[in-house]
Amino acid sequence: MKHVVLVGATDGIGRALATEYVRRGWRVGIVGRDPAKNEWVRGELQDEEPMGWVVTVVCDVQDPERIGPAFEEILQALGQIDLFVYCAGTMPPYGTTLEERLASIDPILGVNVSGALRFLELAADYLEATGRGHLAAIGSIAGERARKGHPVYGASKAALHQYLGGLRARLHGTGVRATAIKPGWVRTRMLGPGPSGSRLTISPDRAARAIVRGLERGRDSFFVPWWWGVVAMGLRLLPTGLFKRFSPP
């Protein structure tokens, strides 16, 4: 029996990952900020898989004082952790005024960077002590080269990617793997109405299956779907002058 903790798994990709792991017979721990939504998701998962094992813990990842106790609670509820995945993310509108843009900074950095790093440090410390296991976080194609439509969000995901690269090097030789997951457009509440109608988008369920496969292969980082890696390479190679003119919105 394997045990996975998913932070931010009551919606979107995290919710789909919880479903996928319950179907595969894993014991699943969900960390979410809304107690009612946590219980609703737990009930839905157990209705779908009556023999499934799902536990939940309440935690707002923007509250640094709550993260440590929440990690200990979910560990105690599960008994052990084999895989830890930070799925939480936010992208409030960047806005058109200075006030709106400034207002977007704290929640984005609080969820996408500070909350992620605090949880991942705890998971890394626990897994390193056991000498085995796997931790991962959901980044974004936006972290490869920030777009003009939301530079703060792109910066937050770039920071997460860089952190995971450094953490992976620190954990080398300990038996613990660290993976950066980089989805493209997935039909979640976070995705805007324009991209949602594009043929380039995929469902959260399809994204979850691809993520599970990538994690099973023990990859350091991967794009979801894989061909977003080609897009990322093109963005990185695009000369700065052209990128400024033709940057995605």
Protein backbone atom coordinates (compact mmCIF):
# COMPACT_ATOMS: atom_id res chain seq x y z
CA MET A 1 0.00 0.00 0.00
CA LYS A 2 1.40 3.38 -1.04
CA HIS A 3 0.59 6.75 0.50
CA VAL A 4 0.34 10.12 -1.26
CA VAL A 5 -0.24 13.61 0.12
CA LEU A 6 -1.78 16.16 -2.23
CA VAL A 7 -1.82 19.80 -1.13
CA GLY A 8 -4.55 21.69 -2.93
CA ALA A 9 -6.53 18.73 -4.24
CA THR A 10 -10.14 19.87 -3.96
CA ASP A 11 -10.24 21.30 -7.48
CA GLY A 12 -8.61 21.17 -10.88
CA ILE A 13 -5.52 19.05 -11.47
CA GLY A 14 -5.11 18.20 -7.78
CA ARG A 15 -8.66 16.86 -7.59
CA ALA A 16 -8.08 14.75 -10.70
CA LEU A 17 -4.82 13.42 -9.23
CA ALA A 18 -6.65 12.39 -6.06
CA THR A 19 -9.15 10.44 -8.16
CA GLU A 20 -6.38 8.75 -10.15
CA TYR A 21 -4.46 7.64 -7.07
CA VAL A 22 -7.56 6.37 -5.26
CA ARG A 23 -8.39 4.29 -8.33
CA ARG A 24 -4.89 2.85 -8.23
CA GLY A 25 -5.34 1.71 -4.64
CA TRP A 26 -3.20 4.35 -2.96
CA ARG A 27 -4.04 5.83 0.43
CA VAL A 28 -4.63 9.52 -0.23
CA GLY A 29 -4.21 12.50 2.09
CA ILE A 30 -5.74 15.78 0.94
CA VAL A 31 -4.76 19.17 2.36
CA GLY A 32 -7.19 21.99 1.57
CA ARG A 33 -8.26 25.27 3.11
CA ASP A 34 -12.05 24.73 3.07
CA PRO A 35 -13.27 22.08 5.57
CA ALA A 36 -16.61 21.62 3.80
CA LYS A 37 -14.97 21.19 0.40
CA ASN A 38 -12.42 18.76 1.85
CA GLU A 39 -15.19 16.56 3.17
CA TRP A 40 -17.21 16.83 -0.03
CA VAL A 41 -14.23 15.66 -2.10
CA ARG A 42 -13.49 12.86 0.37
CA GLY A 43 -17.10 11.68 0.12
CA GLU A 44 -17.06 11.83 -3.67
CA LEU A 45 -13.87 9.80 -3.85
CA GLN A 46 -15.12 7.16 -1.45
CA ASP A 47 -18.43 6.93 -3.29
CA GLU A 48 -16.48 6.26 -6.47
CA GLU A 49 -14.06 3.81 -4.82
CA PRO A 50 -15.79 2.36 -1.71
CA MET A 51 -12.59 0.57 -0.68
CA GLY A 52 -10.54 3.74 -1.09
CA TRP A 53 -8.73 5.33 1.85
CA VAL A 54 -8.96 9.13 1.93
CA VAL A 55 -8.16 11.51 4.80
CA THR A 56 -8.25 15.30 4.84
CA VAL A 57 -6.60 18.10 6.80
CA VAL A 58 -7.51 21.78 6.79
CA CYS A 59 -4.78 24.29 5.98
CA ASP A 60 -4.57 27.65 4.25
CA VAL A 61 -1.16 27.58 2.60
CA GLN A 62 -0.90 31.35 3.02
CA ASP A 63 -0.79 30.87 6.80
CA PRO A 64 2.84 29.92 7.64
CA GLU A 65 1.93 29.10 11.25
CA ARG A 66 -0.54 26.45 10.12
CA ILE A 67 1.66 24.61 7.62
CA GLY A 68 3.85 22.71 10.10
CA PRO A 69 0.94 21.40 12.21
CA ALA A 70 -1.00 20.48 9.06
CA PHE A 71 1.94 18.46 7.75
CA GLU A 72 2.19 16.57 11.03
CA GLU A 73 -1.57 15.93 11.06
CA ILE A 74 -1.66 14.48 7.56
CA LEU A 75 1.43 12.37 8.27
CA GLN A 76 -0.16 11.00 11.43
CA ALA A 77 -3.43 10.29 9.64
CA LEU A 78 -1.71 8.39 6.82
CA GLY A 79 1.03 6.76 8.88
CA GLN A 80 3.68 7.42 6.23
CA ILE A 81 4.29 9.34 3.02
CA ASP A 82 5.70 7.81 -0.15
CA LEU A 83 4.79 10.63 -2.52
CA PHE A 84 4.15 14.31 -1.76
CA VAL A 85 2.72 16.59 -4.45
CA TYR A 86 2.12 20.32 -4.01
CA CYS A 87 -0.79 21.10 -6.33
CA ALA A 88 -2.02 24.43 -4.94
CA GLY A 89 -1.77 27.43 -7.22
CA THR A 90 -3.47 30.73 -7.88
CA MET A 91 -3.54 33.28 -10.68
CA PRO A 92 -5.81 36.23 -9.80
CA PRO A 93 -6.24 38.80 -12.58
CA TYR A 94 -3.13 40.91 -13.09
CA GLY A 95 -5.31 43.96 -13.55
CA THR A 96 -5.02 47.15 -15.57
CA THR A 97 -4.32 49.62 -12.77
CA LEU A 98 -1.32 49.86 -10.46
CA GLU A 99 -3.51 49.06 -7.45
CA GLU A 100 -4.86 45.91 -9.08
CA ARG A 101 -1.41 44.73 -10.09
CA LEU A 102 0.00 45.31 -6.62
CA ALA A 103 -2.95 43.50 -5.05
CA SER A 104 -2.17 40.37 -7.07
CA ILE A 105 1.39 40.01 -5.76
CA ASP A 106 0.88 38.75 -2.20
CA PRO A 107 -1.66 35.99 -2.91
CA ILE A 108 0.36 34.70 -5.87
CA LEU A 109 3.63 34.58 -3.99
CA GLY A 110 1.93 33.29 -0.84
CA VAL A 111 0.37 30.29 -2.57
CA ASN A 112 2.71 29.58 -5.49
CA VAL A 113 6.04 30.22 -3.76
CA SER A 114 6.03 30.67 0.02
CA GLY A 115 3.40 28.02 0.79
CA ALA A 116 4.95 25.63 -1.71
CA LEU A 117 8.48 25.99 -0.35
CA ARG A 118 7.41 25.60 3.27
CA PHE A 119 5.50 22.40 2.56
CA LEU A 120 8.20 20.99 0.30
CA GLU A 121 10.92 21.67 2.87
CA LEU A 122 8.92 19.70 5.45
CA ALA A 123 8.32 16.87 2.99
CA ALA A 124 11.98 16.81 1.95
CA ASP A 125 13.13 16.63 5.57
CA TYR A 126 10.73 13.77 6.34
CA LEU A 127 11.57 11.77 3.21
CA GLU A 128 15.33 12.31 3.60
CA ALA A 129 15.09 10.91 7.13
CA THR A 130 13.36 7.79 5.78
CA GLY A 131 15.88 7.43 2.94
CA ARG A 132 13.27 7.05 0.22
CA GLY A 133 10.31 8.67 -1.46
CA HIS A 134 9.35 11.25 -4.02
CA LEU A 135 8.21 14.86 -3.85
CA ALA A 136 6.89 17.03 -6.65
CA ALA A 137 5.12 20.31 -7.34
CA ILE A 138 2.96 21.55 -10.16
CA GLY A 139 4.64 24.44 -11.92
CA SER A 140 3.63 25.79 -15.32
CA ILE A 141 4.70 26.42 -18.89
CA ALA A 142 4.45 30.08 -17.80
CA GLY A 143 7.54 29.56 -15.63
CA GLU A 144 9.70 28.97 -18.69
CA ARG A 145 9.38 32.56 -19.90
CA ALA A 146 6.95 34.94 -18.25
CA ARG A 147 4.30 36.35 -20.55
CA LYS A 148 3.34 40.01 -20.64
CA GLY A 149 -0.23 39.25 -19.57
CA HIS A 150 0.84 38.09 -16.10
CA PRO A 151 4.55 38.51 -15.29
CA VAL A 152 3.95 37.97 -11.55
CA TYR A 153 2.44 34.52 -12.11
CA GLY A 154 5.25 33.57 -14.49
CA ALA A 155 7.84 34.74 -11.98
CA SER A 156 6.24 32.66 -9.23
CA LYS A 157 6.35 29.48 -11.29
CA ALA A 158 9.91 30.18 -12.45
CA ALA A 159 10.90 30.51 -8.79
CA LEU A 160 9.24 27.17 -8.02
CA HIS A 161 11.07 25.47 -10.91
CA GLN A 162 14.41 26.86 -9.77
CA TYR A 163 13.79 25.82 -6.18
CA LEU A 164 12.98 22.26 -7.21
CA GLY A 165 16.17 22.12 -9.27
CA GLY A 166 18.24 23.14 -6.26
CA LEU A 167 16.33 20.81 -3.94
CA ARG A 168 16.88 17.94 -6.37
CA ALA A 169 20.61 18.54 -6.24
CA ARG A 170 20.58 18.74 -2.44
CA LEU A 171 18.71 15.44 -2.18
CA HIS A 172 20.92 13.63 -4.67
CA GLY A 173 22.16 10.38 -3.18
CA THR A 174 19.57 10.32 -0.37
CA GLY A 175 17.06 8.05 -2.15
CA VAL A 176 14.58 10.94 -2.51
CA ARG A 177 13.50 12.29 -5.90
CA ALA A 178 12.20 15.80 -6.63
CA THR A 179 10.18 16.56 -9.75
CA ALA A 180 8.94 19.74 -11.40
CA ILE A 181 5.64 19.18 -13.25
CA LYS A 182 5.02 21.76 -15.98
CA PRO A 183 1.50 21.70 -17.43
CA GLY A 184 0.40 23.72 -20.40
CA TRP A 185 -3.23 24.70 -20.81
CA VAL A 186 -5.55 22.56 -18.67
CA ARG A 187 -9.27 23.26 -18.44
CA THR A 188 -9.50 24.43 -14.83
CA ARG A 189 -11.04 27.51 -13.20
CA MET A 190 -7.63 29.20 -13.41
CA LEU A 191 -7.50 29.10 -17.21
CA GLY A 192 -9.04 32.07 -18.98
CA PRO A 193 -11.99 31.80 -21.39
CA GLY A 194 -9.77 32.27 -24.45
CA PRO A 195 -7.35 29.36 -23.93
CA SER A 196 -10.16 27.16 -22.55
CA GLY A 197 -11.68 26.92 -26.02
CA SER A 198 -8.39 26.14 -27.75
CA ARG A 199 -7.53 22.73 -29.18
CA LEU A 200 -4.29 22.99 -27.19
CA THR A 201 -6.15 22.50 -23.90
CA ILE A 202 -6.65 19.16 -22.17
CA SER A 203 -8.92 17.99 -19.38
CA PRO A 204 -7.74 17.71 -15.76
CA ASP A 205 -8.28 13.94 -15.95
CA ARG A 206 -5.96 13.61 -18.94
CA ALA A 207 -3.41 15.84 -17.23
CA ALA A 208 -3.57 13.70 -14.07
CA ARG A 209 -2.93 10.48 -15.99
CA ALA A 210 0.08 12.07 -17.71
CA ILE A 211 1.41 13.31 -14.37
CA VAL A 212 1.10 9.89 -12.75
CA ARG A 213 3.02 8.34 -15.66
CA GLY A 214 5.74 10.99 -15.48
CA LEU A 215 6.16 10.52 -11.74
CA GLU A 216 6.28 6.73 -12.10
CA ARG A 217 9.17 7.14 -14.52
CA GLY A 218 11.06 9.18 -11.93
CA ARG A 219 11.70 12.11 -14.23
CA ASP A 220 13.33 15.27 -12.88
CA SER A 221 10.89 17.47 -14.77
CA PHE A 222 8.36 17.06 -17.54
CA PHE A 223 5.71 18.94 -19.49
CA VAL A 224 2.03 18.00 -19.65
CA PRO A 225 1.36 17.09 -22.41
CA TRP A 226 4.91 16.40 -23.60
CA TRP A 227 4.69 18.65 -26.66
CA TRP A 228 4.56 21.75 -24.47
CA GLY A 229 8.26 21.08 -24.02
CA VAL A 230 8.71 21.94 -27.71
CA VAL A 231 6.74 25.15 -27.18
CA ALA A 232 8.91 25.98 -24.15
CA MET A 233 12.08 25.47 -26.17
CA GLY A 234 10.78 27.82 -28.84
CA LEU A 235 9.93 30.46 -26.24
CA ARG A 236 13.36 30.20 -24.66
CA LEU A 237 15.14 30.48 -28.01
CA LEU A 238 13.04 33.39 -29.28
CA PRO A 239 15.22 36.53 -29.43
CA THR A 240 14.31 39.14 -26.84
CA GLY A 241 13.30 41.69 -29.45
CA LEU A 242 10.84 39.29 -31.05
CA PHE A 243 9.57 38.06 -27.69
CA LYS A 244 8.73 41.61 -26.65
CA ARG A 245 6.72 42.07 -29.83
CA PHE A 246 5.02 38.67 -30.01
CA SER A 247 4.88 37.56 -26.35
CA PRO A 248 1.76 35.52 -25.53
CA PRO A 249 -0.96 37.56 -23.78
